[in-house]
Amino acid sequence: MLSTTVFQAFPNAIEEWTIAACKYSTITGNIIPDADDWQNIHVIVDEGSNSDPNPSPNAAGISSDTLLYCQPNELPTIDTADLTANYGVADPYGKTYAIIDAGIGKNQETGQIEHVELRIRQTNYGASHGNN
C-alpha cells in the first residue's frame, strides 16, 4: 500500500511562508535578519487557540498557537532543538512568529521523515543590526 504525505493529500492547502535564523534575548531584544536572509518554505497551516479559564489578574487569558506542516527538504535543518532555539518564521502578510515547539512526522510503515511540525506563536522582533 502506497502512503500519501499531507502535501500530496492537500495540495490546495499549501502556502508559501519564510524562515530565517533569529537571535533571541539579545540586549536589544529578539532580532530578525535582513529580508535577503529569509528562505521560502511551503507549508500547510493548522490554526488553534487555547485559554486559561481562571487566569491571574495580569495573565493573558487566550493565546493562539499555529501548527505548520513543513517539507523537510526545504528547511535549513531538521534538528528540532536547533529550529526552536535559533529560527523564526513569517507568513505571507509579514507577521512574524517564534517557533515554540518542533516535531518530526514520520511514515509509520517506512520510518521516512515526511514532514516537520512547527508550533509557532506570533511575536515581535526588532530590526537586524544591519538595518540600524
N, C-alpha and C. Protein backbone atom coordinates (compact mmCIF):
# COMPACT_ATOMS: atom_id res chain seq x y z
N MET A 1 0.83 -1.17 0.00
CA MET A 1 0.00 0.00 0.00
C MET A 1 0.88 1.24 0.00
N LEU A 2 0.62 2.16 -0.93
CA LEU A 2 1.37 3.40 -1.00
C LEU A 2 0.78 4.40 -0.03
N SER A 3 1.64 5.10 0.70
CA SER A 3 1.14 6.12 1.61
C SER A 3 1.24 7.48 0.95
N THR A 4 0.38 8.38 1.38
CA THR A 4 0.31 9.72 0.85
C THR A 4 0.74 10.69 1.93
N THR A 5 1.61 11.64 1.58
CA THR A 5 2.00 12.65 2.54
C THR A 5 0.90 13.70 2.65
N VAL A 6 0.96 14.50 3.68
CA VAL A 6 -0.02 15.56 3.87
C VAL A 6 0.03 16.55 2.70
N PHE A 7 1.20 16.73 2.09
CA PHE A 7 1.34 17.66 0.96
C PHE A 7 0.71 17.10 -0.30
N GLN A 8 0.78 15.78 -0.48
CA GLN A 8 0.13 15.14 -1.62
C GLN A 8 -1.38 15.09 -1.43
N ALA A 9 -1.82 14.90 -0.20
CA ALA A 9 -3.25 14.78 0.09
C ALA A 9 -3.97 16.12 -0.01
N PHE A 10 -3.29 17.21 0.34
CA PHE A 10 -3.93 18.53 0.37
C PHE A 10 -3.12 19.59 -0.39
N PRO A 11 -2.90 19.41 -1.69
CA PRO A 11 -2.07 20.36 -2.43
C PRO A 11 -2.63 21.78 -2.46
N ASN A 12 -3.94 21.93 -2.37
CA ASN A 12 -4.53 23.28 -2.40
C ASN A 12 -4.37 24.02 -1.08
N ALA A 13 -3.94 23.33 -0.04
CA ALA A 13 -3.76 23.96 1.26
C ALA A 13 -2.35 24.51 1.45
N ILE A 14 -1.46 24.26 0.51
CA ILE A 14 -0.06 24.66 0.66
C ILE A 14 0.08 26.17 0.48
N GLU A 15 0.79 26.81 1.42
CA GLU A 15 1.08 28.24 1.38
C GLU A 15 2.59 28.44 1.39
N GLU A 16 3.02 29.59 0.90
CA GLU A 16 4.44 29.91 0.94
C GLU A 16 4.70 30.87 2.10
N TRP A 17 5.55 30.44 3.03
CA TRP A 17 6.00 31.25 4.16
C TRP A 17 7.51 31.42 4.02
N THR A 18 8.14 32.04 5.01
CA THR A 18 9.60 32.16 5.02
C THR A 18 10.14 31.78 6.40
N ILE A 19 11.40 31.38 6.42
CA ILE A 19 12.09 31.02 7.66
C ILE A 19 13.47 31.66 7.64
N ALA A 20 13.95 32.02 8.82
CA ALA A 20 15.30 32.60 8.92
C ALA A 20 15.85 32.38 10.32
N ALA A 21 17.16 32.40 10.41
CA ALA A 21 17.83 32.34 11.71
C ALA A 21 17.59 33.66 12.44
N CYS A 22 17.19 33.57 13.69
CA CYS A 22 16.92 34.74 14.51
C CYS A 22 17.78 34.70 15.76
N LYS A 23 18.01 35.87 16.34
CA LYS A 23 18.75 35.95 17.59
C LYS A 23 17.77 36.31 18.69
N TYR A 24 17.70 35.44 19.70
CA TYR A 24 16.76 35.64 20.79
C TYR A 24 17.46 36.17 22.03
N SER A 25 16.74 36.99 22.78
CA SER A 25 17.18 37.50 24.08
C SER A 25 18.50 38.26 24.02
N THR A 26 18.67 39.07 22.98
CA THR A 26 19.86 39.92 22.93
C THR A 26 19.62 41.14 23.80
N ILE A 27 20.62 41.94 23.98
CA ILE A 27 20.48 43.13 24.81
C ILE A 27 19.42 44.09 24.26
N THR A 28 19.18 44.03 22.94
CA THR A 28 18.16 44.89 22.33
C THR A 28 16.88 44.12 21.99
N GLY A 29 16.74 42.91 22.51
CA GLY A 29 15.54 42.12 22.26
C GLY A 29 15.78 41.02 21.24
N ASN A 30 14.70 40.49 20.69
CA ASN A 30 14.79 39.46 19.66
C ASN A 30 15.04 40.12 18.31
N ILE A 31 15.98 39.60 17.56
CA ILE A 31 16.42 40.24 16.32
C ILE A 31 16.17 39.30 15.14
N ILE A 32 15.56 39.84 14.06
CA ILE A 32 15.41 39.08 12.82
C ILE A 32 16.43 39.59 11.81
N PRO A 33 16.79 38.75 10.85
CA PRO A 33 17.77 39.16 9.85
C PRO A 33 17.15 40.05 8.77
N ASP A 34 18.01 40.57 7.90
CA ASP A 34 17.54 41.35 6.76
C ASP A 34 16.67 40.48 5.87
N ALA A 35 15.83 41.10 5.06
CA ALA A 35 14.89 40.39 4.18
C ALA A 35 15.59 39.41 3.25
N ASP A 36 16.80 39.73 2.81
CA ASP A 36 17.53 38.85 1.88
C ASP A 36 17.92 37.52 2.51
N ASP A 37 17.93 37.44 3.83
CA ASP A 37 18.36 36.22 4.52
C ASP A 37 17.21 35.25 4.80
N TRP A 38 15.98 35.63 4.46
CA TRP A 38 14.83 34.75 4.66
C TRP A 38 14.76 33.74 3.52
N GLN A 39 14.38 32.52 3.83
CA GLN A 39 14.29 31.43 2.86
C GLN A 39 12.83 31.01 2.71
N ASN A 40 12.35 30.83 1.47
CA ASN A 40 10.97 30.40 1.24
C ASN A 40 10.79 28.95 1.63
N ILE A 41 9.65 28.66 2.26
CA ILE A 41 9.26 27.28 2.56
C ILE A 41 7.78 27.13 2.22
N HIS A 42 7.37 25.92 1.88
CA HIS A 42 5.97 25.64 1.58
C HIS A 42 5.39 24.85 2.75
N VAL A 43 4.28 25.34 3.27
CA VAL A 43 3.71 24.79 4.50
C VAL A 43 2.20 24.59 4.36
N ILE A 44 1.66 23.76 5.24
CA ILE A 44 0.23 23.67 5.44
C ILE A 44 -0.03 24.19 6.85
N VAL A 45 -0.96 25.12 6.97
CA VAL A 45 -1.22 25.82 8.22
C VAL A 45 -2.43 25.21 8.93
N ASP A 46 -2.27 24.94 10.22
CA ASP A 46 -3.36 24.45 11.06
C ASP A 46 -3.41 25.36 12.28
N GLU A 47 -4.45 26.18 12.38
CA GLU A 47 -4.53 27.16 13.45
C GLU A 47 -5.32 26.63 14.64
N GLY A 48 -4.98 27.13 15.81
CA GLY A 48 -5.68 26.74 17.01
C GLY A 48 -5.48 27.75 18.11
N SER A 49 -6.29 27.68 19.14
CA SER A 49 -6.19 28.60 20.28
C SER A 49 -6.38 27.81 21.56
N ASN A 50 -5.91 28.37 22.65
CA ASN A 50 -6.17 27.79 23.96
C ASN A 50 -6.38 28.92 24.96
N SER A 51 -7.01 28.61 26.07
CA SER A 51 -7.24 29.64 27.07
C SER A 51 -7.12 29.03 28.46
N ASP A 52 -6.93 29.90 29.42
CA ASP A 52 -6.90 29.53 30.82
C ASP A 52 -8.16 30.12 31.45
N PRO A 53 -9.12 29.30 31.85
CA PRO A 53 -10.40 29.84 32.33
C PRO A 53 -10.29 30.60 33.65
N ASN A 54 -9.24 30.42 34.42
CA ASN A 54 -9.09 31.11 35.70
C ASN A 54 -7.71 31.77 35.80
N PRO A 55 -7.42 32.70 34.89
CA PRO A 55 -6.09 33.31 34.93
C PRO A 55 -5.94 34.30 36.08
N SER A 56 -4.72 34.56 36.46
CA SER A 56 -4.49 35.60 37.45
C SER A 56 -4.84 36.94 36.82
N PRO A 57 -5.03 37.99 37.59
CA PRO A 57 -5.48 39.27 37.03
C PRO A 57 -4.57 39.83 35.94
N ASN A 58 -3.29 39.54 35.98
CA ASN A 58 -2.38 40.11 34.99
C ASN A 58 -2.00 39.14 33.88
N ALA A 59 -2.56 37.95 33.88
CA ALA A 59 -2.19 36.95 32.87
C ALA A 59 -2.99 37.16 31.59
N ALA A 60 -2.38 36.83 30.49
CA ALA A 60 -3.10 36.84 29.22
C ALA A 60 -4.03 35.63 29.21
N GLY A 61 -5.29 35.83 28.94
CA GLY A 61 -6.27 34.76 29.04
C GLY A 61 -6.32 33.83 27.85
N ILE A 62 -5.98 34.32 26.67
CA ILE A 62 -6.05 33.49 25.47
C ILE A 62 -4.75 33.64 24.70
N SER A 63 -4.21 32.54 24.26
CA SER A 63 -3.07 32.60 23.36
C SER A 63 -3.39 31.77 22.14
N SER A 64 -2.86 32.15 21.03
CA SER A 64 -3.13 31.45 19.79
C SER A 64 -1.84 30.82 19.30
N ASP A 65 -1.89 29.53 19.08
CA ASP A 65 -0.75 28.82 18.51
C ASP A 65 -1.15 28.29 17.15
N THR A 66 -0.24 28.31 16.26
CA THR A 66 -0.46 27.81 14.91
C THR A 66 0.51 26.66 14.68
N LEU A 67 0.05 25.64 13.99
CA LEU A 67 0.89 24.49 13.64
C LEU A 67 1.17 24.54 12.16
N LEU A 68 2.45 24.48 11.81
CA LEU A 68 2.86 24.43 10.40
C LEU A 68 3.39 23.05 10.09
N TYR A 69 2.91 22.47 9.01
CA TYR A 69 3.48 21.23 8.48
C TYR A 69 4.44 21.65 7.37
N CYS A 70 5.73 21.37 7.55
CA CYS A 70 6.76 21.83 6.62
C CYS A 70 7.41 20.65 5.90
N GLN A 71 7.85 20.91 4.67
CA GLN A 71 8.57 19.91 3.92
C GLN A 71 10.02 19.89 4.41
N PRO A 72 10.51 18.75 4.88
CA PRO A 72 11.84 18.70 5.50
C PRO A 72 12.97 19.17 4.59
N ASN A 73 12.87 18.90 3.29
CA ASN A 73 13.95 19.27 2.38
C ASN A 73 14.03 20.77 2.14
N GLU A 74 13.04 21.54 2.58
CA GLU A 74 13.07 23.00 2.40
C GLU A 74 13.57 23.73 3.64
N LEU A 75 13.66 23.05 4.76
CA LEU A 75 14.10 23.69 6.00
C LEU A 75 15.63 23.76 6.07
N PRO A 76 16.17 24.76 6.77
CA PRO A 76 17.62 24.85 6.91
C PRO A 76 18.20 23.72 7.75
N THR A 77 17.37 23.09 8.59
CA THR A 77 17.77 21.96 9.42
C THR A 77 16.52 21.19 9.82
N ILE A 78 16.67 19.92 10.15
CA ILE A 78 15.55 19.18 10.73
C ILE A 78 15.86 18.83 12.18
N ASP A 79 16.88 19.45 12.74
CA ASP A 79 17.20 19.31 14.16
C ASP A 79 16.17 20.14 14.93
N THR A 80 15.27 19.47 15.64
CA THR A 80 14.17 20.17 16.29
C THR A 80 14.63 21.16 17.36
N ALA A 81 15.69 20.82 18.08
CA ALA A 81 16.21 21.74 19.10
C ALA A 81 16.77 23.01 18.44
N ASP A 82 17.45 22.84 17.32
CA ASP A 82 18.01 23.98 16.59
C ASP A 82 16.89 24.87 16.03
N LEU A 83 15.83 24.26 15.51
CA LEU A 83 14.72 25.03 14.97
C LEU A 83 14.07 25.89 16.05
N THR A 84 13.84 25.32 17.23
CA THR A 84 13.17 26.08 18.29
C THR A 84 14.07 27.15 18.90
N ALA A 85 15.36 26.90 18.95
CA ALA A 85 16.28 27.84 19.60
C ALA A 85 16.76 28.95 18.69
N ASN A 86 16.80 28.72 17.38
CA ASN A 86 17.51 29.64 16.51
C ASN A 86 16.76 30.15 15.29
N TYR A 87 15.49 29.81 15.12
CA TYR A 87 14.78 30.20 13.90
C TYR A 87 13.43 30.82 14.21
N GLY A 88 12.96 31.63 13.28
CA GLY A 88 11.62 32.20 13.31
C GLY A 88 11.04 32.09 11.91
N VAL A 89 9.73 32.25 11.80
CA VAL A 89 9.05 32.19 10.51
C VAL A 89 8.18 33.42 10.32
N ALA A 90 7.84 33.69 9.07
CA ALA A 90 6.94 34.80 8.74
C ALA A 90 5.91 34.32 7.74
N ASP A 91 4.68 34.82 7.91
CA ASP A 91 3.60 34.44 6.99
C ASP A 91 3.63 35.36 5.77
N PRO A 92 2.78 35.10 4.78
CA PRO A 92 2.79 35.93 3.57
C PRO A 92 2.39 37.38 3.81
N TYR A 93 1.83 37.68 4.98
CA TYR A 93 1.36 39.03 5.28
C TYR A 93 2.34 39.83 6.12
N GLY A 94 3.52 39.25 6.38
CA GLY A 94 4.55 39.96 7.13
C GLY A 94 4.53 39.78 8.63
N LYS A 95 3.59 38.98 9.16
CA LYS A 95 3.59 38.71 10.59
C LYS A 95 4.70 37.72 10.91
N THR A 96 5.38 37.95 12.03
CA THR A 96 6.49 37.08 12.41
C THR A 96 6.10 36.22 13.60
N TYR A 97 6.72 35.03 13.65
CA TYR A 97 6.37 34.04 14.65
C TYR A 97 7.63 33.37 15.20
N ALA A 98 7.63 33.11 16.49
CA ALA A 98 8.68 32.32 17.12
C ALA A 98 8.28 30.85 17.03
N ILE A 99 9.24 29.98 16.83
CA ILE A 99 8.99 28.54 16.83
C ILE A 99 9.09 28.09 18.29
N ILE A 100 7.97 27.64 18.86
CA ILE A 100 7.97 27.28 20.27
C ILE A 100 8.02 25.77 20.49
N ASP A 101 7.83 25.00 19.43
CA ASP A 101 7.89 23.54 19.54
C ASP A 101 8.10 22.99 18.14
N ALA A 102 8.85 21.91 18.02
CA ALA A 102 9.09 21.28 16.73
C ALA A 102 9.04 19.77 16.90
N GLY A 103 8.51 19.09 15.89
CA GLY A 103 8.43 17.63 15.93
C GLY A 103 8.63 17.06 14.54
N ILE A 104 9.03 15.82 14.51
CA ILE A 104 9.26 15.12 13.25
C ILE A 104 8.08 14.20 12.97
N GLY A 105 7.52 14.30 11.77
CA GLY A 105 6.43 13.42 11.34
C GLY A 105 6.97 12.36 10.40
N LYS A 106 6.90 11.10 10.83
CA LYS A 106 7.44 10.00 10.03
C LYS A 106 6.33 9.12 9.47
N ASN A 107 6.61 8.52 8.35
CA ASN A 107 5.75 7.48 7.81
C ASN A 107 5.90 6.28 8.74
N GLN A 108 4.80 5.82 9.31
CA GLN A 108 4.86 4.77 10.32
C GLN A 108 5.22 3.40 9.75
N GLU A 109 5.09 3.24 8.43
CA GLU A 109 5.46 1.96 7.82
C GLU A 109 6.92 1.92 7.41
N THR A 110 7.42 3.04 6.87
CA THR A 110 8.79 3.06 6.34
C THR A 110 9.79 3.75 7.25
N GLY A 111 9.32 4.57 8.18
CA GLY A 111 10.22 5.33 9.04
C GLY A 111 10.77 6.58 8.37
N GLN A 112 10.39 6.86 7.13
CA GLN A 112 10.87 8.03 6.40
C GLN A 112 10.23 9.30 6.95
N ILE A 113 11.03 10.35 7.09
CA ILE A 113 10.52 11.64 7.54
C ILE A 113 9.71 12.26 6.41
N GLU A 114 8.42 12.54 6.70
CA GLU A 114 7.54 13.10 5.68
C GLU A 114 7.27 14.58 5.89
N HIS A 115 7.32 15.04 7.13
CA HIS A 115 7.11 16.46 7.39
C HIS A 115 7.70 16.81 8.75
N VAL A 116 7.90 18.10 8.95
CA VAL A 116 8.32 18.62 10.23
C VAL A 116 7.19 19.53 10.71
N GLU A 117 6.76 19.32 11.94
CA GLU A 117 5.68 20.11 12.52
C GLU A 117 6.28 21.20 13.40
N LEU A 118 5.94 22.44 13.10
CA LEU A 118 6.40 23.58 13.89
C LEU A 118 5.19 24.22 14.57
N ARG A 119 5.21 24.29 15.89
CA ARG A 119 4.19 25.05 16.60
C ARG A 119 4.77 26.43 16.81
N ILE A 120 4.04 27.43 16.35
CA ILE A 120 4.55 28.80 16.34
C ILE A 120 3.61 29.72 17.10
N ARG A 121 4.15 30.83 17.54
CA ARG A 121 3.36 31.84 18.23
C ARG A 121 3.80 33.21 17.73
N GLN A 122 2.83 34.07 17.41
CA GLN A 122 3.16 35.39 16.88
C GLN A 122 3.98 36.16 17.90
N THR A 123 4.99 36.85 17.40
CA THR A 123 5.88 37.62 18.26
C THR A 123 6.38 38.84 17.49
N ASN A 124 6.95 39.76 18.20
CA ASN A 124 7.55 40.94 17.58
C ASN A 124 9.06 40.82 17.67
N TYR A 125 9.71 41.20 16.60
CA TYR A 125 11.17 41.21 16.56
C TYR A 125 11.62 42.62 16.28
N GLY A 126 12.84 42.93 16.71
CA GLY A 126 13.46 44.18 16.35
C GLY A 126 14.12 44.01 14.98
N ALA A 127 14.55 45.11 14.42
CA ALA A 127 15.26 45.04 13.15
C ALA A 127 16.62 44.43 13.34
N SER A 128 17.17 43.91 12.27
CA SER A 128 18.51 43.34 12.37
C SER A 128 19.52 44.45 12.58
N HIS A 129 20.68 44.09 13.07
CA HIS A 129 21.71 45.09 13.30
C HIS A 129 22.12 45.75 11.99
N GLY A 130 21.96 45.05 10.87
CA GLY A 130 22.29 45.61 9.57
C GLY A 130 21.36 46.76 9.17
N ASN A 131 20.17 46.83 9.77
CA ASN A 131 19.23 47.89 9.43
C ASN A 131 19.31 49.08 10.37
N ASN A 132 20.13 49.02 11.39
CA ASN A 132 20.20 50.11 12.36
C ASN A 132 21.07 51.22 11.87
